[in-house]
Amino acid sequence: MEDQTELSKKSTIEEIRTRFLLAIDDTRLNGSQIGRRIRELGSQKIYNLKNGRNGVTLENLISFSKEFPQYNIKWIMYGEEEMLVKEKKEEPKGQFEKRVDVLENIIKGLSARIELLEINSKK
């Protein structure tokens, strides 16, 4: 038998459907616009989802996630984290990476000077 913490992490189908519809509404696209972007989710299917006639399928979630990666699948499935995926901040570069960048810029500059010297020597 599962312990209480595992049970509390699970979402009901109704909760998943509700969060999925909130994400769809957040796109500010109507059903036919979403249907053009996601074939599995036409306006009729969204209408049926909103009215409780249909549930959310795994295919719906996968297709939505691929087309709208800014929406957090963990939020839709479990209510965890935020609805929108936070942009990952680029980690500050270490000394080694900074040195490589400097050396790459020096090489580019030297390559340009060599090209100019070759062009001028041909004149």
PDB file of N, CA and C in Angstrom:
ATOM      1  N   MET A   1       0.826  -1.191   0.000  1.00  0.00           N
ATOM      2  CA  MET A   1       0.000   0.000   0.000  1.00  0.00           C
ATOM      3  C   MET A   1       0.870   1.255   0.000  1.00  0.00           C
ATOM      4  N   GLU A   2       0.466   2.259  -0.762  1.00  0.00           N
ATOM      5  CA  GLU A   2       1.238   3.479  -0.868  1.00  0.00           C
ATOM      6  C   GLU A   2       1.062   4.337   0.380  1.00  0.00           C
ATOM      7  N   ASP A   3       2.131   5.081   0.714  1.00  0.00           N
ATOM      8  CA  ASP A   3       1.979   5.948   1.876  1.00  0.00           C
ATOM      9  C   ASP A   3       1.245   7.232   1.486  1.00  0.00           C
ATOM     10  N   GLN A   4       0.891   8.006   2.466  1.00  0.00           N
ATOM     11  CA  GLN A   4       0.055   9.206   2.248  1.00  0.00           C
ATOM     12  C   GLN A   4       0.747  10.239   1.360  1.00  0.00           C
ATOM     13  N   THR A   5       2.090  10.358   1.447  1.00  0.00           N
ATOM     14  CA  THR A   5       2.774  11.353   0.625  1.00  0.00           C
ATOM     15  C   THR A   5       2.676  10.995  -0.849  1.00  0.00           C
ATOM     16  N   GLU A   6       2.765   9.705  -1.167  1.00  0.00           N
ATOM     17  CA  GLU A   6       2.619   9.296  -2.564  1.00  0.00           C
ATOM     18  C   GLU A   6       1.212   9.565  -3.065  1.00  0.00           C
ATOM     19  N   LEU A   7       0.206   9.302  -2.246  1.00  0.00           N
ATOM     20  CA  LEU A   7      -1.171   9.537  -2.649  1.00  0.00           C
ATOM     21  C   LEU A   7      -1.442  11.017  -2.873  1.00  0.00           C
ATOM     22  N   SER A   8      -0.832  11.868  -2.039  1.00  0.00           N
ATOM     23  CA  SER A   8      -1.082  13.301  -2.176  1.00  0.00           C
ATOM     24  C   SER A   8      -0.450  13.871  -3.434  1.00  0.00           C
ATOM     25  N   LYS A   9       0.559  13.206  -3.999  1.00  0.00           N
ATOM     26  CA  LYS A   9       1.211  13.688  -5.210  1.00  0.00           C
ATOM     27  C   LYS A   9       0.398  13.394  -6.464  1.00  0.00           C
ATOM     28  N   LYS A  10      -0.476  12.425  -6.383  1.00  0.00           N
ATOM     29  CA  LYS A  10      -1.259  12.046  -7.549  1.00  0.00           C
ATOM     30  C   LYS A  10      -2.383  13.040  -7.776  1.00  0.00           C
ATOM     31  N   SER A  11      -2.641  13.316  -9.017  1.00  0.00           N
ATOM     32  CA  SER A  11      -3.737  14.215  -9.368  1.00  0.00           C
ATOM     33  C   SER A  11      -4.894  13.401  -9.913  1.00  0.00           C
ATOM     34  N   THR A  12      -6.068  13.885  -9.665  1.00  0.00           N
ATOM     35  CA  THR A  12      -7.217  13.226 -10.249  1.00  0.00           C
ATOM     36  C   THR A  12      -7.314  13.609 -11.717  1.00  0.00           C
ATOM     37  N   ILE A  13      -8.034  12.822 -12.467  1.00  0.00           N
ATOM     38  CA  ILE A  13      -8.233  13.108 -13.883  1.00  0.00           C
ATOM     39  C   ILE A  13      -8.901  14.463 -14.056  1.00  0.00           C
ATOM     40  N   GLU A  14      -9.811  14.793 -13.165  1.00  0.00           N
ATOM     41  CA  GLU A  14     -10.504  16.080 -13.236  1.00  0.00           C
ATOM     42  C   GLU A  14      -9.539  17.252 -13.009  1.00  0.00           C
ATOM     43  N   GLU A  15      -8.610  17.093 -12.079  1.00  0.00           N
ATOM     44  CA  GLU A  15      -7.620  18.151 -11.828  1.00  0.00           C
ATOM     45  C   GLU A  15      -6.705  18.345 -13.038  1.00  0.00           C
ATOM     46  N   ILE A  16      -6.304  17.247 -13.645  1.00  0.00           N
ATOM     47  CA  ILE A  16      -5.460  17.327 -14.846  1.00  0.00           C
ATOM     48  C   ILE A  16      -6.226  18.020 -15.963  1.00  0.00           C
ATOM     49  N   ARG A  17      -7.477  17.638 -16.156  1.00  0.00           N
ATOM     50  CA  ARG A  17      -8.306  18.253 -17.198  1.00  0.00           C
ATOM     51  C   ARG A  17      -8.450  19.757 -16.949  1.00  0.00           C
ATOM     52  N   THR A  18      -8.680  20.137 -15.706  1.00  0.00           N
ATOM     53  CA  THR A  18      -8.839  21.550 -15.368  1.00  0.00           C
ATOM     54  C   THR A  18      -7.566  22.334 -15.657  1.00  0.00           C
ATOM     55  N   ARG A  19      -6.431  21.813 -15.237  1.00  0.00           N
ATOM     56  CA  ARG A  19      -5.160  22.517 -15.489  1.00  0.00           C
ATOM     57  C   ARG A  19      -4.838  22.549 -16.977  1.00  0.00           C
ATOM     58  N   PHE A  20      -5.146  21.472 -17.679  1.00  0.00           N
ATOM     59  CA  PHE A  20      -4.907  21.424 -19.128  1.00  0.00           C
ATOM     60  C   PHE A  20      -5.734  22.508 -19.823  1.00  0.00           C
ATOM     61  N   LEU A  21      -6.978  22.637 -19.434  1.00  0.00           N
ATOM     62  CA  LEU A  21      -7.844  23.664 -20.038  1.00  0.00           C
ATOM     63  C   LEU A  21      -7.382  25.069 -19.668  1.00  0.00           C
ATOM     64  N   LEU A  22      -6.862  25.246 -18.459  1.00  0.00           N
ATOM     65  CA  LEU A  22      -6.309  26.554 -18.086  1.00  0.00           C
ATOM     66  C   LEU A  22      -5.116  26.911 -18.966  1.00  0.00           C
ATOM     67  N   ALA A  23      -4.270  25.916 -19.235  1.00  0.00           N
ATOM     68  CA  ALA A  23      -3.119  26.153 -20.109  1.00  0.00           C
ATOM     69  C   ALA A  23      -3.579  26.484 -21.528  1.00  0.00           C
ATOM     70  N   ILE A  24      -4.579  25.757 -22.017  1.00  0.00           N
ATOM     71  CA  ILE A  24      -5.115  26.036 -23.356  1.00  0.00           C
ATOM     72  C   ILE A  24      -5.674  27.452 -23.407  1.00  0.00           C
ATOM     73  N   ASP A  25      -6.454  27.833 -22.394  1.00  0.00           N
ATOM     74  CA  ASP A  25      -7.007  29.189 -22.350  1.00  0.00           C
ATOM     75  C   ASP A  25      -5.897  30.235 -22.293  1.00  0.00           C
ATOM     76  N   ASP A  26      -4.819  29.909 -21.587  1.00  0.00           N
ATOM     77  CA  ASP A  26      -3.712  30.850 -21.450  1.00  0.00           C
ATOM     78  C   ASP A  26      -3.012  31.125 -22.776  1.00  0.00           C
ATOM     79  N   THR A  27      -3.114  30.205 -23.733  1.00  0.00           N
ATOM     80  CA  THR A  27      -2.489  30.439 -25.040  1.00  0.00           C
ATOM     81  C   THR A  27      -3.183  31.565 -25.792  1.00  0.00           C
ATOM     82  N   ARG A  28      -4.417  31.867 -25.394  1.00  0.00           N
ATOM     83  CA  ARG A  28      -5.253  32.902 -26.025  1.00  0.00           C
ATOM     84  C   ARG A  28      -5.574  32.572 -27.489  1.00  0.00           C
ATOM     85  N   LEU A  29      -5.545  31.272 -27.806  1.00  0.00           N
ATOM     86  CA  LEU A  29      -5.930  30.814 -29.135  1.00  0.00           C
ATOM     87  C   LEU A  29      -7.293  30.148 -29.029  1.00  0.00           C
ATOM     88  N   ASN A  30      -8.095  30.265 -30.083  1.00  0.00           N
ATOM     89  CA  ASN A  30      -9.384  29.568 -30.054  1.00  0.00           C
ATOM     90  C   ASN A  30      -9.183  28.114 -30.494  1.00  0.00           C
ATOM     91  N   GLY A  31     -10.246  27.334 -30.398  1.00  0.00           N
ATOM     92  CA  GLY A  31     -10.160  25.907 -30.692  1.00  0.00           C
ATOM     93  C   GLY A  31      -9.668  25.593 -32.088  1.00  0.00           C
ATOM     94  N   SER A  32     -10.124  26.357 -33.083  1.00  0.00           N
ATOM     95  CA  SER A  32      -9.687  26.060 -34.454  1.00  0.00           C
ATOM     96  C   SER A  32      -8.223  26.434 -34.658  1.00  0.00           C
ATOM     97  N   GLN A  33      -7.758  27.484 -33.989  1.00  0.00           N
ATOM     98  CA  GLN A  33      -6.343  27.860 -34.099  1.00  0.00           C
ATOM     99  C   GLN A  33      -5.458  26.791 -33.464  1.00  0.00           C
ATOM    100  N   ILE A  34      -5.897  26.287 -32.333  1.00  0.00           N
ATOM    101  CA  ILE A  34      -5.135  25.206 -31.697  1.00  0.00           C
ATOM    102  C   ILE A  34      -5.189  23.955 -32.569  1.00  0.00           C
ATOM    103  N   GLY A  35      -6.360  23.682 -33.155  1.00  0.00           N
ATOM    104  CA  GLY A  35      -6.505  22.529 -34.035  1.00  0.00           C
ATOM    105  C   GLY A  35      -5.578  22.579 -35.238  1.00  0.00           C
ATOM    106  N   ARG A  36      -5.309  23.788 -35.748  1.00  0.00           N
ATOM    107  CA  ARG A  36      -4.368  23.918 -36.869  1.00  0.00           C
ATOM    108  C   ARG A  36      -2.947  23.604 -36.425  1.00  0.00           C
ATOM    109  N   ARG A  37      -2.650  23.892 -35.172  1.00  0.00           N
ATOM    110  CA  ARG A  37      -1.302  23.645 -34.667  1.00  0.00           C
ATOM    111  C   ARG A  37      -1.136  22.235 -34.119  1.00  0.00           C
ATOM    112  N   ILE A  38      -2.231  21.681 -33.576  1.00  0.00           N
ATOM    113  CA  ILE A  38      -2.204  20.332 -32.995  1.00  0.00           C
ATOM    114  C   ILE A  38      -3.381  19.554 -33.579  1.00  0.00           C
ATOM    115  N   ARG A  39      -3.101  18.685 -34.494  1.00  0.00           N
ATOM    116  CA  ARG A  39      -4.183  17.961 -35.185  1.00  0.00           C
ATOM    117  C   ARG A  39      -5.083  17.175 -34.238  1.00  0.00           C
ATOM    118  N   GLU A  40      -4.483  16.607 -33.186  1.00  0.00           N
ATOM    119  CA  GLU A  40      -5.263  15.789 -32.251  1.00  0.00           C
ATOM    120  C   GLU A  40      -6.233  16.611 -31.409  1.00  0.00           C
ATOM    121  N   LEU A  41      -6.078  17.932 -31.422  1.00  0.00           N
ATOM    122  CA  LEU A  41      -6.897  18.794 -30.566  1.00  0.00           C
ATOM    123  C   LEU A  41      -7.651  19.822 -31.399  1.00  0.00           C
ATOM    124  N   GLY A  42      -8.690  19.411 -32.029  1.00  0.00           N
ATOM    125  CA  GLY A  42      -9.514  20.346 -32.778  1.00  0.00           C
ATOM    126  C   GLY A  42     -10.501  21.050 -31.870  1.00  0.00           C
ATOM    127  N   SER A  43     -11.245  21.968 -32.425  1.00  0.00           N
ATOM    128  CA  SER A  43     -12.190  22.748 -31.621  1.00  0.00           C
ATOM    129  C   SER A  43     -13.261  21.856 -30.982  1.00  0.00           C
ATOM    130  N   GLN A  44     -13.697  20.804 -31.677  1.00  0.00           N
ATOM    131  CA  GLN A  44     -14.718  19.919 -31.106  1.00  0.00           C
ATOM    132  C   GLN A  44     -14.184  19.169 -29.892  1.00  0.00           C
ATOM    133  N   LYS A  45     -12.942  18.707 -29.976  1.00  0.00           N
ATOM    134  CA  LYS A  45     -12.361  17.983 -28.846  1.00  0.00           C
ATOM    135  C   LYS A  45     -12.178  18.914 -27.651  1.00  0.00           C
ATOM    136  N   ILE A  46     -11.768  20.144 -27.903  1.00  0.00           N
ATOM    137  CA  ILE A  46     -11.616  21.100 -26.805  1.00  0.00           C
ATOM    138  C   ILE A  46     -12.982  21.399 -26.197  1.00  0.00           C
ATOM    139  N   TYR A  47     -13.986  21.557 -27.040  1.00  0.00           N
ATOM    140  CA  TYR A  47     -15.354  21.786 -26.556  1.00  0.00           C
ATOM    141  C   TYR A  47     -15.801  20.618 -25.666  1.00  0.00           C
ATOM    142  N   ASN A  48     -15.539  19.395 -26.124  1.00  0.00           N
ATOM    143  CA  ASN A  48     -15.905  18.207 -25.346  1.00  0.00           C
ATOM    144  C   ASN A  48     -15.115  18.127 -24.026  1.00  0.00           C
ATOM    145  N   LEU A  49     -13.854  18.554 -24.065  1.00  0.00           N
ATOM    146  CA  LEU A  49     -13.061  18.591 -22.836  1.00  0.00           C
ATOM    147  C   LEU A  49     -13.669  19.576 -21.841  1.00  0.00           C
ATOM    148  N   LYS A  50     -14.033  20.752 -22.339  1.00  0.00           N
ATOM    149  CA  LYS A  50     -14.591  21.787 -21.464  1.00  0.00           C
ATOM    150  C   LYS A  50     -15.919  21.348 -20.861  1.00  0.00           C
ATOM    151  N   ASN A  51     -16.677  20.584 -21.604  1.00  0.00           N
ATOM    152  CA  ASN A  51     -17.977  20.126 -21.110  1.00  0.00           C
ATOM    153  C   ASN A  51     -17.902  18.807 -20.350  1.00  0.00           C
ATOM    154  N   GLY A  52     -16.722  18.271 -20.201  1.00  0.00           N
ATOM    155  CA  GLY A  52     -16.559  17.043 -19.442  1.00  0.00           C
ATOM    156  C   GLY A  52     -16.924  15.786 -20.197  1.00  0.00           C
ATOM    157  N   ARG A  53     -17.181  15.893 -21.478  1.00  0.00           N
ATOM    158  CA  ARG A  53     -17.534  14.706 -22.259  1.00  0.00           C
ATOM    159  C   ARG A  53     -16.314  13.823 -22.520  1.00  0.00           C
ATOM    160  N   ASN A  54     -15.163  14.458 -22.666  1.00  0.00           N
ATOM    161  CA  ASN A  54     -13.918  13.727 -22.918  1.00  0.00           C
ATOM    162  C   ASN A  54     -12.915  14.065 -21.830  1.00  0.00           C
ATOM    163  N   GLY A  55     -12.003  13.148 -21.620  1.00  0.00           N
ATOM    164  CA  GLY A  55     -10.889  13.402 -20.715  1.00  0.00           C
ATOM    165  C   GLY A  55      -9.647  13.739 -21.516  1.00  0.00           C
ATOM    166  N   VAL A  56      -8.613  14.106 -20.818  1.00  0.00           N
ATOM    167  CA  VAL A  56      -7.335  14.413 -21.452  1.00  0.00           C
ATOM    168  C   VAL A  56      -6.603  13.109 -21.691  1.00  0.00           C
ATOM    169  N   THR A  57      -6.117  12.922 -22.899  1.00  0.00           N
ATOM    170  CA  THR A  57      -5.354  11.713 -23.213  1.00  0.00           C
ATOM    171  C   THR A  57      -3.861  12.011 -23.145  1.00  0.00           C
ATOM    172  N   LEU A  58      -3.090  10.973 -23.062  1.00  0.00           N
ATOM    173  CA  LEU A  58      -1.642  11.120 -23.073  1.00  0.00           C
ATOM    174  C   LEU A  58      -1.192  11.781 -24.378  1.00  0.00           C
ATOM    175  N   GLU A  59      -1.831  11.406 -25.480  1.00  0.00           N
ATOM    176  CA  GLU A  59      -1.495  11.995 -26.778  1.00  0.00           C
ATOM    177  C   GLU A  59      -1.758  13.502 -26.773  1.00  0.00           C
ATOM    178  N   ASN A  60      -2.874  13.921 -26.130  1.00  0.00           N
ATOM    179  CA  ASN A  60      -3.179  15.355 -26.011  1.00  0.00           C
ATOM    180  C   ASN A  60      -2.052  16.075 -25.287  1.00  0.00           C
ATOM    181  N   LEU A  61      -1.628  15.509 -24.168  1.00  0.00           N
ATOM    182  CA  LEU A  61      -0.588  16.145 -23.363  1.00  0.00           C
ATOM    183  C   LEU A  61       0.742  16.220 -24.104  1.00  0.00           C
ATOM    184  N   ILE A  62       1.102  15.134 -24.766  1.00  0.00           N
ATOM    185  CA  ILE A  62       2.372  15.103 -25.506  1.00  0.00           C
ATOM    186  C   ILE A  62       2.338  16.117 -26.645  1.00  0.00           C
ATOM    187  N   SER A  63       1.256  16.123 -27.413  1.00  0.00           N
ATOM    188  CA  SER A  63       1.145  17.051 -28.538  1.00  0.00           C
ATOM    189  C   SER A  63       1.169  18.500 -28.064  1.00  0.00           C
ATOM    190  N   PHE A  64       0.430  18.786 -26.994  1.00  0.00           N
ATOM    191  CA  PHE A  64       0.395  20.143 -26.451  1.00  0.00           C
ATOM    192  C   PHE A  64       1.782  20.555 -25.972  1.00  0.00           C
ATOM    193  N   SER A  65       2.443  19.650 -25.283  1.00  0.00           N
ATOM    194  CA  SER A  65       3.770  19.938 -24.741  1.00  0.00           C
ATOM    195  C   SER A  65       4.790  20.210 -25.845  1.00  0.00           C
ATOM    196  N   LYS A  66       4.683  19.491 -26.951  1.00  0.00           N
ATOM    197  CA  LYS A  66       5.607  19.711 -28.069  1.00  0.00           C
ATOM    198  C   LYS A  66       5.337  21.047 -28.750  1.00  0.00           C
ATOM    199  N   GLU A  67       4.071  21.391 -28.912  1.00  0.00           N
ATOM    200  CA  GLU A  67       3.712  22.624 -29.614  1.00  0.00           C
ATOM    201  C   GLU A  67       3.862  23.855 -28.727  1.00  0.00           C
ATOM    202  N   PHE A  68       3.644  23.686 -27.433  1.00  0.00           N
ATOM    203  CA  PHE A  68       3.708  24.804 -26.492  1.00  0.00           C
ATOM    204  C   PHE A  68       4.666  24.443 -25.346  1.00  0.00           C
ATOM    205  N   PRO A  69       5.969  24.399 -25.619  1.00  0.00           N
ATOM    206  CA  PRO A  69       6.927  23.963 -24.591  1.00  0.00           C
ATOM    207  C   PRO A  69       7.047  24.924 -23.406  1.00  0.00           C
ATOM    208  N   GLN A  70       6.477  26.107 -23.541  1.00  0.00           N
ATOM    209  CA  GLN A  70       6.550  27.061 -22.434  1.00  0.00           C
ATOM    210  C   GLN A  70       5.639  26.668 -21.270  1.00  0.00           C
ATOM    211  N   TYR A  71       4.717  25.712 -21.512  1.00  0.00           N
ATOM    212  CA  TYR A  71       3.824  25.256 -20.453  1.00  0.00           C
ATOM    213  C   TYR A  71       4.430  24.044 -19.766  1.00  0.00           C
ATOM    214  N   ASN A  72       4.466  24.109 -18.460  1.00  0.00           N
ATOM    215  CA  ASN A  72       5.126  23.113 -17.630  1.00  0.00           C
ATOM    216  C   ASN A  72       4.245  21.861 -17.507  1.00  0.00           C
ATOM    217  N   ILE A  73       4.720  20.764 -18.048  1.00  0.00           N
ATOM    218  CA  ILE A  73       3.954  19.516 -18.019  1.00  0.00           C
ATOM    219  C   ILE A  73       3.787  19.015 -16.584  1.00  0.00           C
ATOM    220  N   LYS A  74       4.761  19.309 -15.712  1.00  0.00           N
ATOM    221  CA  LYS A  74       4.616  18.927 -14.306  1.00  0.00           C
ATOM    222  C   LYS A  74       3.440  19.659 -13.666  1.00  0.00           C
ATOM    223  N   TRP A  75       3.248  20.896 -14.061  1.00  0.00           N
ATOM    224  CA  TRP A  75       2.120  21.649 -13.518  1.00  0.00           C
ATOM    225  C   TRP A  75       0.804  21.048 -14.009  1.00  0.00           C
ATOM    226  N   ILE A  76       0.739  20.738 -15.299  1.00  0.00           N
ATOM    227  CA  ILE A  76      -0.499  20.169 -15.845  1.00  0.00           C
ATOM    228  C   ILE A  76      -0.801  18.820 -15.189  1.00  0.00           C
ATOM    229  N   MET A  77       0.201  17.981 -15.077  1.00  0.00           N
ATOM    230  CA  MET A  77      -0.021  16.627 -14.553  1.00  0.00           C
ATOM    231  C   MET A  77      -0.220  16.579 -13.038  1.00  0.00           C
ATOM    232  N   TYR A  78       0.614  17.324 -12.307  1.00  0.00           N
ATOM    233  CA  TYR A  78       0.631  17.164 -10.854  1.00  0.00           C
ATOM    234  C   TYR A  78       0.319  18.429 -10.067  1.00  0.00           C
ATOM    235  N   GLY A  79       0.230  19.561 -10.745  1.00  0.00           N
ATOM    236  CA  GLY A  79       0.015  20.820 -10.036  1.00  0.00           C
ATOM    237  C   GLY A  79       1.275  21.320  -9.363  1.00  0.00           C
ATOM    238  N   GLU A  80       2.411  20.767  -9.740  1.00  0.00           N
ATOM    239  CA  GLU A  80       3.690  21.162  -9.147  1.00  0.00           C
ATOM    240  C   GLU A  80       4.315  22.286  -9.963  1.00  0.00           C
ATOM    241  N   GLU A  81       5.083  23.104  -9.290  1.00  0.00           N
ATOM    242  CA  GLU A  81       5.805  24.209  -9.898  1.00  0.00           C
ATOM    243  C   GLU A  81       4.824  25.238 -10.468  1.00  0.00           C
ATOM    244  N   GLU A  82       5.261  26.009 -11.436  1.00  0.00           N
ATOM    245  CA  GLU A  82       4.436  27.057 -12.037  1.00  0.00           C
ATOM    246  C   GLU A  82       3.867  26.577 -13.366  1.00  0.00           C
ATOM    247  N   MET A  83       2.815  27.259 -13.852  1.00  0.00           N
ATOM    248  CA  MET A  83       2.218  26.892 -15.141  1.00  0.00           C
ATOM    249  C   MET A  83       3.232  27.066 -16.271  1.00  0.00           C
ATOM    250  N   LEU A  84       3.930  28.172 -16.259  1.00  0.00           N
ATOM    251  CA  LEU A  84       4.892  28.455 -17.319  1.00  0.00           C
ATOM    252  C   LEU A  84       6.290  28.057 -16.872  1.00  0.00           C
ATOM    253  N   VAL A  85       7.033  27.479 -17.800  1.00  0.00           N
ATOM    254  CA  VAL A  85       8.398  27.075 -17.521  1.00  0.00           C
ATOM    255  C   VAL A  85       9.239  28.337 -17.398  1.00  0.00           C
ATOM    256  N   LYS A  86      10.001  28.397 -16.348  1.00  0.00           N
ATOM    257  CA  LYS A  86      10.894  29.538 -16.175  1.00  0.00           C
ATOM    258  C   LYS A  86      12.098  29.346 -17.071  1.00  0.00           C
ATOM    259  N   GLU A  87      12.511  30.451 -17.691  1.00  0.00           N
ATOM    260  CA  GLU A  87      13.698  30.362 -18.536  1.00  0.00           C
ATOM    261  C   GLU A  87      14.897  30.051 -17.664  1.00  0.00           C
ATOM    262  N   LYS A  88      15.682  29.129 -18.140  1.00  0.00           N
ATOM    263  CA  LYS A  88      16.875  28.775 -17.393  1.00  0.00           C
ATOM    264  C   LYS A  88      17.901  29.885 -17.568  1.00  0.00           C
ATOM    265  N   LYS A  89      18.384  30.352 -16.451  1.00  0.00           N
ATOM    266  CA  LYS A  89      19.411  31.387 -16.502  1.00  0.00           C
ATOM    267  C   LYS A  89      20.727  30.740 -16.878  1.00  0.00           C
ATOM    268  N   GLU A  90      21.450  31.435 -17.729  1.00  0.00           N
ATOM    269  CA  GLU A  90      22.745  30.921 -18.130  1.00  0.00           C
ATOM    270  C   GLU A  90      23.687  31.041 -16.938  1.00  0.00           C
ATOM    271  N   GLU A  91      24.343  29.953 -16.644  1.00  0.00           N
ATOM    272  CA  GLU A  91      25.264  29.976 -15.520  1.00  0.00           C
ATOM    273  C   GLU A  91      26.450  30.860 -15.865  1.00  0.00           C
ATOM    274  N   PRO A  92      26.938  31.587 -14.868  1.00  0.00           N
ATOM    275  CA  PRO A  92      28.089  32.443 -15.150  1.00  0.00           C
ATOM    276  C   PRO A  92      29.265  31.607 -15.622  1.00  0.00           C
ATOM    277  N   LYS A  93      29.977  32.176 -16.558  1.00  0.00           N
ATOM    278  CA  LYS A  93      31.113  31.446 -17.108  1.00  0.00           C
ATOM    279  C   LYS A  93      32.259  31.425 -16.116  1.00  0.00           C
ATOM    280  N   GLY A  94      32.924  30.296 -16.116  1.00  0.00           N
ATOM    281  CA  GLY A  94      34.103  30.158 -15.275  1.00  0.00           C
ATOM    282  C   GLY A  94      35.303  30.790 -15.964  1.00  0.00           C
ATOM    283  N   GLN A  95      36.397  30.822 -15.264  1.00  0.00           N
ATOM    284  CA  GLN A  95      37.619  31.429 -15.807  1.00  0.00           C
ATOM    285  C   GLN A  95      38.050  30.745 -17.107  1.00  0.00           C
ATOM    286  N   PHE A  96      37.924  29.425 -17.151  1.00  0.00           N
ATOM    287  CA  PHE A  96      38.359  28.692 -18.327  1.00  0.00           C
ATOM    288  C   PHE A  96      37.543  29.089 -19.559  1.00  0.00           C
ATOM    289  N   GLU A  97      36.202  29.137 -19.392  1.00  0.00           N
ATOM    290  CA  GLU A  97      35.331  29.494 -20.506  1.00  0.00           C
ATOM    291  C   GLU A  97      35.591  30.925 -20.972  1.00  0.00           C
ATOM    292  N   LYS A  98      35.832  31.820 -20.017  1.00  0.00           N
ATOM    293  CA  LYS A  98      36.130  33.215 -20.371  1.00  0.00           C
ATOM    294  C   LYS A  98      37.428  33.286 -21.177  1.00  0.00           C
ATOM    295  N   ARG A  99      38.408  32.514 -20.755  1.00  0.00           N
ATOM    296  CA  ARG A  99      39.702  32.523 -21.453  1.00  0.00           C
ATOM    297  C   ARG A  99      39.548  31.975 -22.870  1.00  0.00           C
ATOM    298  N   VAL A 100      38.744  30.913 -23.019  1.00  0.00           N
ATOM    299  CA  VAL A 100      38.491  30.352 -24.347  1.00  0.00           C
ATOM    300  C   VAL A 100      37.816  31.402 -25.238  1.00  0.00           C
ATOM    301  N   ASP A 101      36.832  32.131 -24.697  1.00  0.00           N
ATOM    302  CA  ASP A 101      36.170  33.185 -25.472  1.00  0.00           C
ATOM    303  C   ASP A 101      37.161  34.240 -25.934  1.00  0.00           C
ATOM    304  N   VAL A 102      38.057  34.654 -25.042  1.00  0.00           N
ATOM    305  CA  VAL A 102      39.063  35.663 -25.389  1.00  0.00           C
ATOM    306  C   VAL A 102      39.968  35.129 -26.493  1.00  0.00           C
ATOM    307  N   LEU A 103      40.404  33.903 -26.349  1.00  0.00           N
ATOM    308  CA  LEU A 103      41.292  33.310 -27.360  1.00  0.00           C
ATOM    309  C   LEU A 103      40.583  33.158 -28.710  1.00  0.00           C
ATOM    310  N   GLU A 104      39.303  32.781 -28.689  1.00  0.00           N
ATOM    311  CA  GLU A 104      38.555  32.678 -29.946  1.00  0.00           C
ATOM    312  C   GLU A 104      38.461  34.034 -30.630  1.00  0.00           C
ATOM    313  N   ASN A 105      38.237  35.083 -29.870  1.00  0.00           N
ATOM    314  CA  ASN A 105      38.167  36.431 -30.447  1.00  0.00           C
ATOM    315  C   ASN A 105      39.516  36.856 -31.016  1.00  0.00           C
ATOM    316  N   ILE A 106      40.602  36.510 -30.326  1.00  0.00           N
ATOM    317  CA  ILE A 106      41.944  36.834 -30.829  1.00  0.00           C
ATOM    318  C   ILE A 106      42.181  36.103 -32.146  1.00  0.00           C
ATOM    319  N   ILE A 107      41.807  34.834 -32.204  1.00  0.00           N
ATOM    320  CA  ILE A 107      41.987  34.043 -33.428  1.00  0.00           C
ATOM    321  C   ILE A 107      41.194  34.645 -34.582  1.00  0.00           C
ATOM    322  N   LYS A 108      39.952  35.054 -34.314  1.00  0.00           N
ATOM    323  CA  LYS A 108      39.138  35.682 -35.370  1.00  0.00           C
ATOM    324  C   LYS A 108      39.802  36.953 -35.875  1.00  0.00           C
ATOM    325  N   GLY A 109      40.315  37.747 -34.952  1.00  0.00           N
ATOM    326  CA  GLY A 109      40.998  38.990 -35.344  1.00  0.00           C
ATOM    327  C   GLY A 109      42.239  38.716 -36.167  1.00  0.00           C
ATOM    328  N   LEU A 110      43.029  37.730 -35.755  1.00  0.00           N
ATOM    329  CA  LEU A 110      44.241  37.380 -36.492  1.00  0.00           C
ATOM    330  C   LEU A 110      43.902  36.825 -37.874  1.00  0.00           C
ATOM    331  N   SER A 111      42.836  36.038 -37.958  1.00  0.00           N
ATOM    332  CA  SER A 111      42.428  35.495 -39.260  1.00  0.00           C
ATOM    333  C   SER A 111      42.049  36.624 -40.213  1.00  0.00           C
ATOM    334  N   ALA A 112      41.353  37.611 -39.706  1.00  0.00           N
ATOM    335  CA  ALA A 112      40.961  38.750 -40.534  1.00  0.00           C
ATOM    336  C   ALA A 112      42.193  39.526 -40.990  1.00  0.00           C
ATOM    337  N   ARG A 113      43.180  39.685 -40.116  1.00  0.00           N
ATOM    338  CA  ARG A 113      44.410  40.406 -40.479  1.00  0.00           C
ATOM    339  C   ARG A 113      45.186  39.636 -41.548  1.00  0.00           C
ATOM    340  N   ILE A 114      45.234  38.307 -41.410  1.00  0.00           N
ATOM    341  CA  ILE A 114      45.942  37.478 -42.396  1.00  0.00           C
ATOM    342  C   ILE A 114      45.277  37.628 -43.767  1.00  0.00           C
ATOM    343  N   GLU A 115      43.932  37.582 -43.785  1.00  0.00           N
ATOM    344  CA  GLU A 115      43.213  37.756 -45.056  1.00  0.00           C
ATOM    345  C   GLU A 115      43.544  39.100 -45.687  1.00  0.00           C
ATOM    346  N   LEU A 116      43.571  40.155 -44.897  1.00  0.00           N
ATOM    347  CA  LEU A 116      43.893  41.486 -45.414  1.00  0.00           C
ATOM    348  C   LEU A 116      45.320  41.525 -45.957  1.00  0.00           C
ATOM    349  N   LEU A 117      46.256  40.916 -45.230  1.00  0.00           N
ATOM    350  CA  LEU A 117      47.644  40.882 -45.688  1.00  0.00           C
ATOM    351  C   LEU A 117      47.775  40.109 -47.001  1.00  0.00           C
ATOM    352  N   GLU A 118      47.034  38.996 -47.116  1.00  0.00           N
ATOM    353  CA  GLU A 118      47.083  38.215 -48.348  1.00  0.00           C
ATOM    354  C   GLU A 118      46.501  39.005 -49.509  1.00  0.00           C
ATOM    355  N   ILE A 119      45.413  39.708 -49.268  1.00  0.00           N
ATOM    356  CA  ILE A 119      44.796  40.521 -50.320  1.00  0.00           C
ATOM    357  C   ILE A 119      45.739  41.632 -50.743  1.00  0.00           C
ATOM    358  N   ASN A 120      46.363  42.308 -49.782  1.00  0.00           N
ATOM    359  CA  ASN A 120      47.280  43.407 -50.088  1.00  0.00           C
ATOM    360  C   ASN A 120      48.551  42.928 -50.774  1.00  0.00           C
ATOM    361  N   SER A 121      49.008  41.721 -50.452  1.00  0.00           N
ATOM    362  CA  SER A 121      50.238  41.205 -51.063  1.00  0.00           C
ATOM    363  C   SER A 121      50.023  40.823 -52.528  1.00  0.00           C
ATOM    364  N   LYS A 122      48.772  40.567 -52.904  1.00  0.00           N
ATOM    365  CA  LYS A 122      48.467  40.198 -54.287  1.00  0.00           C
ATOM    366  C   LYS A 122      48.385  41.422 -55.185  1.00  0.00           C
ATOM    367  N   LYS A 123      48.309  42.591 -54.614  1.00  0.00           N
ATOM    368  CA  LYS A 123      48.177  43.821 -55.416  1.00  0.00           C
ATOM    369  C   LYS A 123      49.462  44.261 -56.014  1.00  0.00           C
TER     370      LYS A 123
END
